[in-house]
Amino acid sequence: MPENWGQRIVLLLGLGIIIFMSSNLNWSRKNSWNSVITSDAKGYVAYLPAVFIFQDPNFGFFDEMEGEKYYVERFYYDYRREAYGKSINKYFIGVSVLSTPFFLAGHAWTWLTGGDLDGYSKAYVVFLHLGSIFYLALGILFLMKLLQLYEVKAWNRVLAVLVLTFATNISYYISEEPLMSHLFNFCFISLFLYALKMYFLDKKNNFLLWAAFFLGMVTILRPVNLLILGFLPFLAGSWGAFTSFLKGIEMKVWGMGIGIFFLVCSLQFGMYYWQTGHFWVYSYPGEGLDLTKPHLWQSMFSYKKGLFVYTPVLFFAYFLGMKFLWQGRKYELLSWNLFFLGLAYILSSWSNWYYGGSFSYRPFIDYYACFGIVLGMGLGGIREKWSRVVLYSALFVFLAVNQIQIYQYRYAQIPYEGMTKESYWENFLRIDKILEKK
């Protein structure tokens, strides 16, 4: 069987598992579909009913929809803020833009079945969830294509994406909180990295223009993710290739790329103008970056939210990748680490460094393609049979630990915000307490 068919079969099986998990956790149980869109996600998707149902950019429908008709106390969240005397949405427009086809499909289905055409009934939610699954699958597909550009063998590519999907908090967010922006960012950062790597290899300008489009989408999803530009030196493969890239682009191509980028960003500016009469609004009053007070160690290793505590496979992937790069690829080793440290420093400098109630350190989901590259390369560097046996066993253990901790998190045995060292080890991998309550 050709290797590309083997990859497709595995991707389809993984996608089937995700849909099965999602439907059984949320769609099938009475009223549990309300939990699909919670917390920040309520703001991310609120533009859709605002535009297509109510034609109300200031969300005057909030009290009726969220406060009355679909009110559930534990899911209630007010995403509105005030700017220039108007009510605006705190969150950015990107998730709504990408979810538009799925929202409209949900609208059509609701119309055909005689449901409530209000943008919030069950069919809308299910179709929006399917949209997030689609974008995760698209991100996985292009991550595999990116790994192929790095000459990672077929089944190592498959293993790398399976590990990133099921041994990290991706599997929590796709089944439980799929309309958060992270999975969409994972997709478009993967697309961006693929397009730029293709440019470095083929020098065709169309790849640069696609990269500009993808970067624009990343920006209206979560502007801080412009930090992905710091990964360009690694993608270039050498310092000479990186400087040649900066010097070698024609001014016409620069102009077209910048134009495409700002055209995409204009969707957000246009929405601000519709809401307030101003093209720019800072919608996070009282929140922001404080680069003098990073929480670097806490974000990586704390029991509260530490990335490597709750997603230990990434720690393993890091050292596996660094071991591979140490052998003759020092420039890539240095550039990857500089990017990672800079990214971690800035993300941990946010005023709410742990990003509220979340499983593991969620802002890093957006950048898992960067971990996927070094994981795939590292897997290719293991050739001895006994080493592969140890490696595969370790990856299985990490996957099992991740799934157990997700189960604990769903039932609050791992609390949303307040985990301590003592409580973590007291409850480590214990699900017996949860089962006793059922």
Protein backbone atom coordinates (compact mmCIF):
# COMPACT_ATOMS: atom_id res chain seq x y z
CA MET A 1 0.00 0.00 0.00
CA PRO A 2 1.46 3.44 -0.92
CA GLU A 3 2.58 5.36 2.14
CA ASN A 4 0.24 8.29 1.46
CA TRP A 5 -2.77 5.94 1.65
CA GLY A 6 -1.50 4.56 4.95
CA GLN A 7 -1.28 8.10 6.31
CA ARG A 8 -4.78 8.92 5.08
CA ILE A 9 -6.23 5.83 6.72
CA VAL A 10 -4.60 6.66 10.04
CA LEU A 11 -5.74 10.30 9.77
CA LEU A 12 -9.31 9.19 9.06
CA LEU A 13 -9.23 6.75 11.98
CA GLY A 14 -7.94 9.49 14.28
CA LEU A 15 -10.61 11.85 13.00
CA GLY A 16 -13.24 9.18 13.59
CA ILE A 17 -12.05 8.74 17.17
CA ILE A 18 -12.26 12.50 17.74
CA ILE A 19 -15.81 12.71 16.36
CA PHE A 20 -16.84 9.66 18.42
CA MET A 21 -15.38 11.19 21.58
CA SER A 22 -16.99 14.56 20.90
CA SER A 23 -20.42 13.18 20.11
CA ASN A 24 -20.52 10.90 23.13
CA LEU A 25 -19.22 13.51 25.54
CA ASN A 26 -21.49 16.29 24.40
CA TRP A 27 -23.96 15.89 21.57
CA SER A 28 -25.83 12.82 22.75
CA ARG A 29 -26.47 13.57 26.40
CA LYS A 30 -29.39 15.73 27.48
CA ASN A 31 -28.46 19.42 27.65
CA SER A 32 -24.71 18.65 27.62
CA TRP A 33 -24.39 20.24 24.17
CA ASN A 34 -24.56 23.56 26.03
CA SER A 35 -21.07 22.87 27.36
CA VAL A 36 -19.49 22.90 23.88
CA ILE A 37 -19.36 26.70 23.81
CA THR A 38 -18.17 27.96 27.18
CA SER A 39 -16.02 30.70 28.68
CA ASP A 40 -14.00 32.68 26.09
CA ALA A 41 -15.55 30.65 23.28
CA LYS A 42 -18.89 32.38 23.88
CA GLY A 43 -17.24 35.60 22.76
CA TYR A 44 -15.32 34.04 19.89
CA VAL A 45 -18.50 32.79 18.19
CA ALA A 46 -20.92 35.57 19.24
CA TYR A 47 -20.14 37.53 16.07
CA LEU A 48 -22.00 34.89 14.05
CA PRO A 49 -25.49 35.40 15.51
CA ALA A 50 -24.72 39.13 15.77
CA VAL A 51 -24.14 39.36 12.00
CA PHE A 52 -26.36 36.68 10.50
CA ILE A 53 -29.33 36.54 12.90
CA PHE A 54 -29.71 39.81 14.79
CA GLN A 55 -27.69 42.33 12.72
CA ASP A 56 -26.63 43.78 16.07
CA PRO A 57 -22.90 44.58 16.50
CA ASN A 58 -23.41 45.62 20.12
CA PHE A 59 -24.87 42.30 21.28
CA GLY A 60 -28.20 43.54 22.58
CA PHE A 61 -29.46 39.97 22.28
CA PHE A 62 -27.06 38.77 25.01
CA ASP A 63 -29.47 39.00 27.94
CA GLU A 64 -32.22 37.08 26.15
CA MET A 65 -30.01 34.35 24.66
CA GLU A 66 -27.32 33.87 27.31
CA GLY A 67 -29.14 35.17 30.37
CA GLU A 68 -32.56 33.59 29.82
CA LYS A 69 -33.29 31.21 26.95
CA TYR A 70 -30.04 29.19 27.08
CA TYR A 71 -28.96 30.10 30.58
CA VAL A 72 -26.98 27.47 32.49
CA GLU A 73 -25.45 28.83 35.67
CA ARG A 74 -22.08 27.08 35.46
CA PHE A 75 -21.65 28.02 31.79
CA TYR A 76 -22.76 31.65 32.06
CA TYR A 77 -20.13 34.13 30.89
CA ASP A 78 -20.44 37.75 29.79
CA TYR A 79 -17.98 38.43 26.99
CA ARG A 80 -19.02 42.08 26.55
CA ARG A 81 -16.95 45.14 27.40
CA GLU A 82 -17.61 48.86 26.98
CA ALA A 83 -15.68 51.10 24.59
CA TYR A 84 -16.59 54.59 23.41
CA GLY A 85 -19.94 54.21 25.15
CA LYS A 86 -20.80 51.07 23.17
CA SER A 87 -21.00 47.42 24.12
CA ILE A 88 -18.35 45.41 22.26
CA ASN A 89 -17.07 41.86 22.19
CA LYS A 90 -13.88 41.39 24.20
CA TYR A 91 -12.64 38.65 21.87
CA PHE A 92 -11.30 38.67 18.34
CA ILE A 93 -13.24 37.80 15.22
CA GLY A 94 -11.10 35.01 13.72
CA VAL A 95 -12.96 31.97 15.08
CA SER A 96 -16.25 33.39 13.81
CA VAL A 97 -14.79 34.08 10.37
CA LEU A 98 -13.49 30.52 10.03
CA SER A 99 -16.66 29.02 11.49
CA THR A 100 -19.01 30.88 9.16
CA PRO A 101 -19.62 27.99 6.69
CA PHE A 102 -20.42 25.64 9.56
CA PHE A 103 -22.70 28.16 11.26
CA LEU A 104 -24.61 28.65 8.01
CA ALA A 105 -24.86 24.87 7.58
CA GLY A 106 -26.29 24.69 11.10
CA HIS A 107 -28.71 27.47 10.19
CA ALA A 108 -29.87 25.59 7.09
CA TRP A 109 -30.29 22.36 9.06
CA THR A 110 -32.26 24.17 11.77
CA TRP A 111 -34.54 25.73 9.12
CA LEU A 112 -35.13 22.34 7.44
CA THR A 113 -35.93 20.62 10.74
CA GLY A 114 -38.11 23.41 12.15
CA GLY A 115 -35.82 24.37 15.00
CA ASP A 116 -35.21 27.77 16.59
CA LEU A 117 -33.42 30.02 14.10
CA ASP A 118 -31.68 32.01 16.82
CA GLY A 119 -28.03 31.04 16.34
CA TYR A 120 -27.83 29.20 19.66
CA SER A 121 -29.96 26.05 19.38
CA LYS A 122 -28.40 22.59 19.26
CA ALA A 123 -27.78 22.23 15.51
CA TYR A 124 -25.71 25.42 15.42
CA VAL A 125 -23.55 24.12 18.26
CA VAL A 126 -23.01 20.69 16.68
CA PHE A 127 -22.05 22.17 13.30
CA LEU A 128 -19.68 24.63 14.93
CA HIS A 129 -18.06 21.73 16.78
CA LEU A 130 -17.71 19.86 13.48
CA GLY A 131 -15.99 22.97 12.14
CA SER A 132 -13.36 22.86 14.85
CA ILE A 133 -12.77 19.17 14.11
CA PHE A 134 -12.33 20.06 10.43
CA TYR A 135 -9.70 22.68 11.22
CA LEU A 136 -7.85 20.35 13.57
CA ALA A 137 -7.77 17.70 10.82
CA LEU A 138 -6.55 20.31 8.31
CA GLY A 139 -3.81 21.38 10.70
CA ILE A 140 -2.75 17.77 11.24
CA LEU A 141 -2.69 17.14 7.49
CA PHE A 142 -0.42 20.12 6.82
CA LEU A 143 1.79 19.31 9.76
CA MET A 144 2.33 15.91 8.19
CA LYS A 145 3.15 17.59 4.87
CA LEU A 146 5.56 19.90 6.72
CA LEU A 147 7.25 16.91 8.34
CA GLN A 148 7.61 15.37 4.89
CA LEU A 149 9.57 18.46 3.82
CA TYR A 150 11.92 17.70 6.70
CA GLU A 151 12.34 14.17 5.29
CA VAL A 152 10.64 12.54 8.26
CA LYS A 153 9.60 9.03 7.22
CA ALA A 154 5.93 8.23 6.73
CA TRP A 155 5.16 6.32 9.91
CA ASN A 156 7.22 8.68 12.04
CA ARG A 157 5.05 11.48 10.66
CA VAL A 158 1.94 9.53 11.60
CA LEU A 159 3.29 8.76 15.07
CA ALA A 160 4.24 12.39 15.66
CA VAL A 161 0.76 13.72 14.86
CA LEU A 162 -0.95 10.96 16.85
CA VAL A 163 1.18 11.83 19.86
CA LEU A 164 0.42 15.55 19.51
CA THR A 165 -3.30 14.83 19.17
CA PHE A 166 -3.87 12.25 21.89
CA ALA A 167 -0.95 12.66 24.32
CA THR A 168 -1.44 16.43 24.75
CA ASN A 169 -4.27 18.73 25.77
CA ILE A 170 -5.41 18.94 22.13
CA SER A 171 -7.60 15.92 22.83
CA TYR A 172 -9.24 17.77 25.73
CA TYR A 173 -9.89 20.94 23.80
CA ILE A 174 -11.30 19.23 20.70
CA SER A 175 -13.85 17.27 22.73
CA GLU A 176 -14.64 19.65 25.59
CA GLU A 177 -13.81 23.25 24.60
CA PRO A 178 -13.49 23.13 20.80
CA LEU A 179 -14.49 26.73 20.07
CA MET A 180 -11.57 28.22 21.96
CA SER A 181 -9.14 29.76 19.48
CA HIS A 182 -6.24 27.37 20.09
CA LEU A 183 -7.12 24.60 17.64
CA PHE A 184 -7.82 27.13 14.91
CA ASN A 185 -4.45 28.73 15.59
CA PHE A 186 -2.75 25.34 15.54
CA CYS A 187 -4.23 24.82 12.08
CA PHE A 188 -3.24 28.18 10.62
CA ILE A 189 0.21 28.24 12.18
CA SER A 190 0.78 24.80 10.61
CA LEU A 191 -0.39 26.18 7.25
CA PHE A 192 1.83 29.25 7.66
CA LEU A 193 4.91 27.17 8.48
CA TYR A 194 4.25 24.81 5.58
CA ALA A 195 3.88 27.68 3.08
CA LEU A 196 7.10 29.35 4.25
CA LYS A 197 9.09 26.12 4.25
CA MET A 198 7.89 25.52 0.68
CA TYR A 199 9.14 29.00 -0.22
CA PHE A 200 12.55 28.33 1.30
CA LEU A 201 12.75 25.14 -0.78
CA ASP A 202 11.23 26.29 -4.09
CA LYS A 203 11.52 30.12 -4.02
CA LYS A 204 8.06 30.50 -5.59
CA ASN A 205 6.36 33.76 -4.65
CA ASN A 206 2.89 32.24 -4.44
CA PHE A 207 3.95 30.46 -1.26
CA LEU A 208 4.87 33.81 0.31
CA LEU A 209 1.48 35.23 -0.58
CA TRP A 210 -0.28 32.23 0.95
CA ALA A 211 1.90 32.66 4.05
CA ALA A 212 0.76 36.30 4.29
CA PHE A 213 -2.87 35.18 4.15
CA PHE A 214 -2.34 32.52 6.82
CA LEU A 215 -0.49 35.01 9.03
CA GLY A 216 -3.41 37.41 8.70
CA MET A 217 -5.79 34.70 9.87
CA VAL A 218 -3.51 33.92 12.81
CA THR A 219 -3.58 37.62 13.72
CA ILE A 220 -7.37 37.96 13.80
CA LEU A 221 -7.56 34.74 15.79
CA ARG A 222 -5.07 35.78 18.46
CA PRO A 223 -2.77 38.74 17.68
CA VAL A 224 -0.04 37.68 20.10
CA ASN A 225 0.61 34.73 17.81
CA LEU A 226 2.47 37.04 15.46
CA LEU A 227 5.28 35.68 17.61
CA ILE A 228 5.40 32.78 15.16
CA LEU A 229 7.50 35.08 12.97
CA GLY A 230 10.31 34.29 15.40
CA PHE A 231 10.34 30.75 14.00
CA LEU A 232 11.48 31.90 10.55
CA PRO A 233 15.22 31.51 11.28
CA PHE A 234 14.63 27.84 12.13
CA LEU A 235 12.57 27.28 8.99
CA ALA A 236 15.29 28.83 6.85
CA GLY A 237 17.71 26.14 7.99
CA SER A 238 20.78 28.39 8.13
CA TRP A 239 21.64 32.00 8.88
CA GLY A 240 22.69 32.56 5.28
CA ALA A 241 19.37 31.27 3.96
CA PHE A 242 17.49 33.48 6.42
CA THR A 243 19.33 36.68 5.46
CA SER A 244 18.99 35.81 1.76
CA PHE A 245 15.26 35.41 2.34
CA LEU A 246 14.98 38.89 3.83
CA LYS A 247 17.07 40.48 1.07
CA GLY A 248 15.82 38.48 -1.89
CA ILE A 249 12.09 39.24 -1.89
CA GLU A 250 11.05 41.71 -4.57
CA MET A 251 9.42 44.92 -3.40
CA LYS A 252 6.33 44.07 -5.46
CA VAL A 253 5.99 40.77 -3.60
CA TRP A 254 6.52 42.50 -0.24
CA GLY A 255 3.77 44.95 -1.15
CA MET A 256 1.35 42.23 -2.23
CA GLY A 257 2.04 40.17 0.89
CA ILE A 258 1.55 43.13 3.23
CA GLY A 259 -1.62 44.04 1.34
CA ILE A 260 -3.05 40.52 1.75
CA PHE A 261 -2.13 40.52 5.44
CA PHE A 262 -3.87 43.83 6.13
CA LEU A 263 -6.86 42.88 4.00
CA VAL A 264 -7.47 39.94 6.30
CA CYS A 265 -6.86 42.09 9.39
CA SER A 266 -9.37 44.63 8.07
CA LEU A 267 -12.13 42.22 9.06
CA GLN A 268 -11.34 42.98 12.70
CA PHE A 269 -10.89 46.70 12.09
CA GLY A 270 -14.18 46.80 10.20
CA MET A 271 -15.98 45.06 13.04
CA TYR A 272 -14.58 47.55 15.55
CA TYR A 273 -15.78 50.38 13.34
CA TRP A 274 -19.26 48.86 13.07
CA GLN A 275 -19.38 48.49 16.84
CA THR A 276 -17.96 51.85 17.91
CA GLY A 277 -17.25 54.12 14.92
CA HIS A 278 -13.50 53.65 15.59
CA PHE A 279 -11.13 51.34 13.72
CA TRP A 280 -9.19 50.28 16.81
CA VAL A 281 -10.30 49.30 20.31
CA TYR A 282 -8.26 47.77 23.11
CA SER A 283 -10.75 45.23 24.39
CA TYR A 284 -8.71 43.87 27.32
CA PRO A 285 -8.84 46.74 29.85
CA GLY A 286 -6.95 45.88 33.02
CA GLU A 287 -5.08 43.05 31.29
CA GLY A 288 -1.87 43.01 29.29
CA LEU A 289 1.79 42.07 29.10
CA ASP A 290 4.23 42.99 31.83
CA LEU A 291 7.62 41.91 30.54
CA THR A 292 9.23 42.83 33.87
CA LYS A 293 7.25 40.09 35.66
CA PRO A 294 7.45 36.86 33.68
CA HIS A 295 6.31 33.60 35.25
CA LEU A 296 8.58 31.43 33.15
CA TRP A 297 9.23 28.65 35.66
CA GLN A 298 5.60 28.50 36.81
CA SER A 299 4.31 28.28 33.25
CA MET A 300 6.59 25.34 32.48
CA PHE A 301 6.86 23.39 35.75
CA SER A 302 4.30 24.52 38.34
CA TYR A 303 1.58 22.22 39.62
CA LYS A 304 -0.90 25.01 38.95
CA LYS A 305 -0.62 24.91 35.14
CA GLY A 306 2.88 23.82 34.16
CA LEU A 307 3.15 22.79 30.51
CA PHE A 308 5.61 19.98 31.19
CA VAL A 309 3.75 18.79 34.29
CA TYR A 310 0.41 18.29 32.56
CA THR A 311 1.75 17.58 29.07
CA PRO A 312 4.95 15.65 29.84
CA VAL A 313 5.23 14.22 26.33
CA LEU A 314 6.34 17.68 25.16
CA PHE A 315 9.30 17.54 27.56
CA PHE A 316 10.19 14.17 26.06
CA ALA A 317 9.73 15.50 22.51
CA TYR A 318 11.95 18.46 23.30
CA PHE A 319 14.91 16.36 24.43
CA LEU A 320 14.43 13.83 21.65
CA GLY A 321 14.50 16.64 19.09
CA MET A 322 17.46 18.42 20.67
CA LYS A 323 19.44 15.17 20.72
CA PHE A 324 18.86 14.83 16.99
CA LEU A 325 19.73 18.45 16.18
CA TRP A 326 22.89 18.32 18.30
CA GLN A 327 24.36 15.95 15.73
CA GLY A 328 25.37 18.38 13.02
CA ARG A 329 22.44 20.82 13.01
CA LYS A 330 23.56 23.32 15.64
CA TYR A 331 22.06 26.37 13.90
CA GLU A 332 18.59 24.80 13.99
CA LEU A 333 19.11 23.72 17.59
CA LEU A 334 20.04 27.27 18.61
CA SER A 335 17.28 28.97 16.62
CA TRP A 336 14.60 26.57 17.92
CA ASN A 337 15.64 27.14 21.53
CA LEU A 338 15.83 30.92 21.15
CA PHE A 339 12.34 30.92 19.69
CA PHE A 340 11.00 28.67 22.43
CA LEU A 341 12.54 30.71 25.25
CA GLY A 342 11.32 33.99 23.78
CA LEU A 343 7.84 32.59 23.26
CA ALA A 344 7.64 31.16 26.78
CA TYR A 345 8.95 34.42 28.27
CA ILE A 346 6.34 36.57 26.52
CA LEU A 347 3.39 34.23 27.05
CA SER A 348 4.24 33.90 30.74
CA SER A 349 4.33 37.70 31.07
CA TRP A 350 0.59 38.06 30.54
CA SER A 351 -1.12 39.56 33.58
CA ASN A 352 -3.05 36.32 34.09
CA TRP A 353 -0.06 34.10 33.34
CA TYR A 354 -1.96 30.81 33.80
CA TYR A 355 -4.80 31.90 31.45
CA GLY A 356 -7.68 31.13 33.77
CA GLY A 357 -9.45 27.81 34.02
CA SER A 358 -7.70 25.49 31.60
CA PHE A 359 -6.07 22.11 31.25
CA SER A 360 -2.28 22.43 31.08
CA TYR A 361 -0.74 25.62 29.69
CA ARG A 362 -3.16 26.21 26.85
CA PRO A 363 -1.53 29.04 24.82
CA PHE A 364 1.18 26.61 23.72
CA ILE A 365 -1.36 24.50 21.79
CA ASP A 366 -1.14 27.11 19.03
CA TYR A 367 2.56 26.28 18.55
CA TYR A 368 2.46 22.49 18.72
CA ALA A 369 3.54 22.30 15.08
CA CYS A 370 6.94 23.59 16.25
CA PHE A 371 7.14 20.71 18.73
CA GLY A 372 5.86 18.36 16.02
CA ILE A 373 8.84 19.17 13.79
CA VAL A 374 11.48 18.32 16.39
CA LEU A 375 9.48 15.29 17.57
CA GLY A 376 9.28 13.92 14.02
CA MET A 377 12.98 14.56 13.41
CA GLY A 378 13.87 13.00 16.77
CA LEU A 379 11.84 9.88 16.03
CA GLY A 380 13.83 9.45 12.83
CA GLY A 381 17.07 9.57 14.80
CA ILE A 382 16.23 6.42 16.81
CA ARG A 383 17.45 3.41 14.85
CA GLU A 384 18.32 0.66 17.33
CA LYS A 385 15.51 -1.83 17.84
CA TRP A 386 15.70 -1.79 21.65
CA SER A 387 15.70 2.03 21.64
CA ARG A 388 12.54 2.06 19.53
CA VAL A 389 10.86 -0.36 21.94
CA VAL A 390 11.71 1.92 24.88
CA LEU A 391 10.62 4.97 22.89
CA TYR A 392 7.23 3.55 21.87
CA SER A 393 6.61 2.32 25.41
CA ALA A 394 7.38 5.77 26.80
CA LEU A 395 5.05 7.44 24.30
CA PHE A 396 2.26 5.04 25.25
CA VAL A 397 2.78 5.85 28.93
CA PHE A 398 2.64 9.59 28.19
CA LEU A 399 -0.56 9.11 26.21
CA ALA A 400 -2.14 7.12 29.04
CA VAL A 401 -1.10 9.70 31.65
CA ASN A 402 -2.54 12.50 29.53
CA GLN A 403 -5.89 10.77 29.01
CA ILE A 404 -6.20 9.91 32.71
CA GLN A 405 -5.42 13.50 33.71
CA ILE A 406 -7.97 14.81 31.21
CA TYR A 407 -10.53 12.48 32.80
CA GLN A 408 -9.57 13.82 36.23
CA TYR A 409 -9.84 17.39 34.99
CA ARG A 410 -13.31 16.82 33.55
CA TYR A 411 -14.51 15.71 37.00
CA ALA A 412 -12.61 18.46 38.89
CA GLN A 413 -10.16 16.08 40.56
CA ILE A 414 -7.64 18.34 38.87
CA PRO A 415 -9.17 21.75 39.66
CA TYR A 416 -9.49 24.45 37.04
CA GLU A 417 -7.09 26.81 38.79
CA GLY A 418 -6.06 25.80 42.29
CA MET A 419 -3.92 22.65 42.05
CA THR A 420 -1.10 22.29 44.58
CA LYS A 421 1.86 19.93 44.76
CA GLU A 422 0.34 17.98 47.65
CA SER A 423 -3.02 17.56 45.95
CA TYR A 424 -1.41 16.63 42.63
CA TRP A 425 0.55 13.70 44.05
CA GLU A 426 -2.25 12.65 46.36
CA ASN A 427 -4.50 12.23 43.33
CA PHE A 428 -1.90 11.26 40.73
CA LEU A 429 -3.54 8.90 38.20
CA ARG A 430 -6.25 8.02 40.72
CA ILE A 431 -9.67 7.69 39.17
CA ASP A 432 -11.10 5.49 41.91
CA LYS A 433 -12.45 8.54 43.76
CA ILE A 434 -14.32 9.62 40.64
CA LEU A 435 -15.75 6.16 40.05
CA GLU A 436 -16.94 5.93 43.64
CA LYS A 437 -19.07 9.04 43.14
CA LYS A 438 -20.77 7.74 40.01
